[in-house]
Amino acid sequence: MGAAAGLLRRSGVVDTALTRDKARELVARHWTLRTADSLRSLGVDEPIALPGRRALDLGLYAARAWLR
């Protein structure tokens, strides 16, 4: 699939971002994601559950007079 798309792209028939390398990435078996580790390495605070986040946001909106 990726090889065919790459050939069509190089020949000018189709403009696609799918290449042989991208097709290999799509079918990779061992994709993993550890959100907490990523957020920590980026210096982002731990996520807040929706009810708590909503209360914080409403307080901020009220303080900035964004609510009527």
Protein backbone atom coordinates (compact mmCIF):
# COMPACT_ATOMS: atom_id res chain seq x y z
CA MET A 1 0.00 0.00 0.00
CA GLY A 2 2.69 2.49 1.02
CA ALA A 3 4.93 1.55 -1.88
CA ALA A 4 2.08 2.03 -4.37
CA ALA A 5 1.14 5.39 -2.84
CA GLY A 6 4.78 6.48 -2.94
CA LEU A 7 5.05 5.50 -6.60
CA LEU A 8 1.86 7.40 -7.49
CA ARG A 9 3.11 10.40 -5.56
CA ARG A 10 6.51 10.43 -7.28
CA SER A 11 4.86 10.08 -10.69
CA GLY A 12 2.63 13.08 -9.98
CA VAL A 13 -0.64 11.15 -10.25
CA VAL A 14 -1.62 11.58 -6.60
CA ASP A 15 -0.48 13.97 -3.89
CA THR A 16 -0.48 11.88 -0.72
CA ALA A 17 1.43 11.87 2.54
CA LEU A 18 1.33 8.06 2.71
CA THR A 19 4.74 6.62 1.93
CA ARG A 20 6.29 3.21 2.49
CA ASP A 21 7.80 4.42 5.79
CA LYS A 22 4.49 5.86 7.00
CA ALA A 23 2.69 2.63 6.09
CA ARG A 24 5.23 0.70 8.21
CA GLU A 25 4.55 3.05 11.12
CA LEU A 26 0.79 2.48 10.80
CA VAL A 27 1.10 -1.28 11.12
CA ALA A 28 3.74 -1.28 13.89
CA ARG A 29 2.74 -3.72 16.62
CA HIS A 30 4.24 -2.09 19.67
CA TRP A 31 2.93 1.45 19.94
CA THR A 32 2.88 2.53 23.57
CA LEU A 33 1.98 5.68 25.42
CA ARG A 34 2.57 6.57 29.05
CA THR A 35 0.86 9.89 29.51
CA ALA A 36 2.01 10.54 33.08
CA ASP A 37 5.68 10.13 32.11
CA SER A 38 5.27 12.41 29.09
CA LEU A 39 3.49 15.12 31.07
CA ARG A 40 6.10 14.97 33.84
CA SER A 41 8.98 15.30 31.36
CA LEU A 42 7.26 18.31 29.78
CA GLY A 43 6.79 19.94 33.18
CA VAL A 44 3.00 19.75 32.98
CA ASP A 45 1.05 19.30 36.21
CA GLU A 46 -0.87 16.11 36.80
CA PRO A 47 -4.29 16.11 35.12
CA ILE A 48 -7.27 17.22 37.17
CA ALA A 49 -10.51 15.24 37.01
CA LEU A 50 -13.35 16.96 35.15
CA PRO A 51 -15.43 18.04 38.19
CA GLY A 52 -12.40 19.68 39.81
CA ARG A 53 -11.26 21.25 36.56
CA ARG A 54 -14.74 22.62 35.91
CA ALA A 55 -14.81 24.30 39.35
CA LEU A 56 -11.39 25.88 38.72
CA ASP A 57 -12.42 27.12 35.28
CA LEU A 58 -15.71 28.57 36.52
CA GLY A 59 -13.85 30.42 39.26
CA LEU A 60 -11.39 31.84 36.73
CA TYR A 61 -14.18 32.87 34.33
CA ALA A 62 -16.09 34.56 37.13
CA ALA A 63 -12.96 36.41 38.30
CA ARG A 64 -12.39 37.71 34.78
CA ALA A 65 -16.06 38.60 34.32
CA TRP A 66 -16.39 36.22 31.39
CA LEU A 67 -19.68 34.87 32.73
CA ARG A 68 -22.99 36.69 32.65
